[in-house]
Amino acid sequence: MRRKLGLAAALVVALAVAGYAQKPDFSGTWTPDVDPNAAAAPAGGGGGGRGMGGGPMTVKQTGDSIAVERQGRNGATTTTYKTDGSEFEVAGRGGAMMKANAKWDGSKLVITTKTDNGDQVQTWSMADGKLTIERQGQNGPVKTVYKKTT
């Protein structure tokens, strides 16, 4: 009986460690990885570099939060997301406060922001050393792939 209990405990610990290990570290400075073929697309398409940010950003990740700093017209702005699934406030355009939550879905981070125009959802994932952020909002899906610069 003790042996079975010990094996069960070891399995629980192994699964917990594996679940924790699935969460990537998004820390670093990221720049959009521009597809050279995309430049040939007609003007006015996609809008991937506008809206919820498609430019360079610096990410600082701790155990329970992610801080994202972006450069804007009026200097740097930082948005900090709690990653425990709880609701918190973030500043939107013009300083308006919005409700948001961020939670892990396996190895992906899903950030949902409630706006007057409906929910905006960002899904962050890592593959082959690149960060992909897929955004779903009122204007449809937008996908930006980033390469790490530092």
Protein backbone atom coordinates (compact mmCIF):
# COMPACT_ATOMS: atom_id res chain seq x y z
CA MET A 1 0.00 0.00 0.00
CA ARG A 2 2.82 2.41 0.88
CA ARG A 3 4.51 1.69 -2.40
CA LYS A 4 1.33 2.54 -4.36
CA LEU A 5 0.89 5.72 -2.33
CA GLY A 6 4.52 6.68 -2.99
CA LEU A 7 4.13 6.06 -6.72
CA ALA A 8 0.94 8.11 -6.80
CA ALA A 9 2.66 10.98 -4.98
CA ALA A 10 5.60 10.82 -7.41
CA LEU A 11 3.19 10.92 -10.36
CA VAL A 12 1.39 13.98 -8.96
CA VAL A 13 4.72 15.80 -8.49
CA ALA A 14 5.89 14.85 -11.99
CA LEU A 15 2.65 16.13 -13.55
CA ALA A 16 2.87 19.36 -11.57
CA VAL A 17 6.46 19.93 -12.71
CA ALA A 18 5.56 19.11 -16.32
CA GLY A 19 2.62 21.54 -16.17
CA TYR A 20 4.85 24.29 -14.81
CA ALA A 21 7.56 23.60 -17.37
CA GLN A 22 5.09 24.12 -20.22
CA LYS A 23 4.85 27.85 -19.53
CA PRO A 24 7.35 29.66 -21.74
CA ASP A 25 9.29 32.71 -20.61
CA PHE A 26 8.34 35.63 -22.85
CA SER A 27 10.93 37.96 -21.27
CA GLY A 28 13.08 39.97 -23.66
CA THR A 29 12.94 42.61 -26.36
CA TRP A 30 10.85 41.54 -29.33
CA THR A 31 10.64 42.97 -32.86
CA PRO A 32 8.09 41.97 -35.50
CA ASP A 33 9.53 39.34 -37.82
CA VAL A 34 8.40 40.82 -41.11
CA ASP A 35 7.71 38.35 -43.90
CA PRO A 36 9.54 39.66 -47.01
CA ASN A 37 6.68 38.34 -49.17
CA ALA A 38 4.16 40.42 -47.22
CA ALA A 39 5.66 43.63 -48.63
CA ALA A 40 4.30 42.67 -52.03
CA ALA A 41 0.72 42.65 -50.70
CA PRO A 42 -1.58 45.45 -51.83
CA ALA A 43 -1.70 48.58 -49.68
CA GLY A 44 -4.39 48.82 -47.05
CA GLY A 45 -4.47 45.12 -46.18
CA GLY A 46 -4.48 43.42 -42.81
CA GLY A 47 -3.49 46.20 -40.45
CA GLY A 48 -1.19 43.85 -38.53
CA GLY A 49 1.00 46.66 -37.26
CA ARG A 50 -1.81 48.79 -35.87
CA GLY A 51 -4.30 48.49 -33.08
CA MET A 52 -3.16 46.49 -30.07
CA GLY A 53 0.47 46.97 -30.98
CA GLY A 54 2.49 45.32 -33.67
CA GLY A 55 5.74 47.15 -33.10
CA PRO A 56 8.75 46.40 -30.92
CA MET A 57 8.14 45.64 -27.25
CA THR A 58 10.02 44.68 -24.12
CA VAL A 59 8.50 41.98 -21.94
CA LYS A 60 9.38 41.31 -18.30
CA GLN A 61 7.84 38.13 -16.92
CA THR A 62 7.71 37.13 -13.27
CA GLY A 63 5.94 34.22 -11.63
CA ASP A 64 2.50 35.79 -11.66
CA SER A 65 2.66 38.74 -14.06
CA ILE A 66 3.89 40.00 -17.41
CA ALA A 67 4.82 43.65 -18.00
CA VAL A 68 4.80 44.80 -21.63
CA GLU A 69 6.54 48.07 -22.52
CA ARG A 70 5.94 49.68 -25.91
CA GLN A 71 7.13 52.94 -27.37
CA GLY A 72 4.36 55.31 -28.44
CA ARG A 73 4.02 58.86 -29.69
CA ASN A 74 4.20 60.17 -26.14
CA GLY A 75 7.01 57.90 -24.96
CA ALA A 76 7.05 54.47 -23.38
CA THR A 77 3.94 52.90 -21.87
CA THR A 78 3.90 49.76 -19.76
CA THR A 79 0.93 47.46 -19.27
CA THR A 80 1.17 44.82 -16.56
CA TYR A 81 -0.98 41.70 -16.78
CA LYS A 82 -1.61 39.40 -13.81
CA THR A 83 -1.42 35.83 -15.14
CA ASP A 84 -3.47 34.15 -12.43
CA GLY A 85 -6.83 34.58 -14.21
CA SER A 86 -8.10 37.29 -11.88
CA GLU A 87 -9.70 40.43 -13.27
CA PHE A 88 -7.73 43.68 -13.19
CA GLU A 89 -7.79 47.11 -14.85
CA VAL A 90 -5.61 48.25 -17.75
CA ALA A 91 -5.41 51.64 -19.40
CA GLY A 92 -6.77 51.82 -22.92
CA ARG A 93 -6.52 54.53 -25.54
CA GLY A 94 -7.03 57.98 -24.14
CA GLY A 95 -6.46 56.69 -20.61
CA ALA A 96 -9.85 54.97 -20.35
CA MET A 97 -9.71 52.07 -17.90
CA MET A 98 -10.80 48.62 -19.08
CA LYS A 99 -11.23 45.26 -17.36
CA ALA A 100 -8.90 42.44 -18.37
CA ASN A 101 -7.74 39.01 -17.28
CA ALA A 102 -4.85 36.79 -18.33
CA LYS A 103 -4.53 33.07 -17.76
CA TRP A 104 -2.45 30.16 -18.94
CA ASP A 105 -3.98 27.61 -21.28
CA GLY A 106 -1.24 24.98 -21.28
CA SER A 107 1.77 26.67 -22.87
CA LYS A 108 -0.26 29.61 -24.23
CA LEU A 109 -1.14 32.83 -22.43
CA VAL A 110 -4.65 34.11 -23.18
CA ILE A 111 -5.33 37.78 -22.41
CA THR A 112 -8.93 39.02 -22.63
CA THR A 113 -9.75 42.72 -22.47
CA LYS A 114 -13.36 43.91 -22.18
CA THR A 115 -14.03 47.02 -24.25
CA ASP A 116 -17.13 48.97 -25.23
CA ASN A 117 -16.89 47.22 -28.60
CA GLY A 118 -16.75 43.71 -27.14
CA ASP A 119 -14.00 41.44 -25.90
CA GLN A 120 -10.53 41.60 -27.44
CA VAL A 121 -8.54 38.37 -27.06
CA GLN A 122 -4.77 37.96 -27.45
CA THR A 123 -3.16 34.50 -27.43
CA TRP A 124 0.61 34.43 -26.84
CA SER A 125 2.63 31.35 -27.79
CA MET A 126 6.26 30.38 -28.46
CA ALA A 127 7.67 28.11 -31.16
CA ASP A 128 11.18 27.85 -32.57
CA GLY A 129 12.34 30.80 -30.45
CA LYS A 130 9.68 33.13 -31.88
CA LEU A 131 6.75 34.73 -30.08
CA THR A 132 3.41 34.70 -31.87
CA ILE A 133 0.55 36.92 -30.74
CA GLU A 134 -2.82 36.21 -32.30
CA ARG A 135 -5.46 38.87 -31.71
CA GLN A 136 -9.19 38.45 -32.13
CA GLY A 137 -11.41 41.50 -31.87
CA GLN A 138 -14.01 43.53 -33.68
CA ASN A 139 -11.88 43.78 -36.84
CA GLY A 140 -11.26 40.05 -37.11
CA PRO A 141 -8.08 38.04 -36.52
CA VAL A 142 -4.57 39.53 -36.68
CA LYS A 143 -1.38 37.50 -36.19
CA THR A 144 2.05 39.00 -35.45
CA VAL A 145 5.23 36.92 -35.18
CA TYR A 146 8.14 38.43 -33.21
CA LYS A 147 11.83 37.60 -33.14
CA LYS A 148 13.85 38.16 -29.99
CA THR A 149 16.47 40.88 -30.27
CA THR A 150 17.77 40.77 -26.67
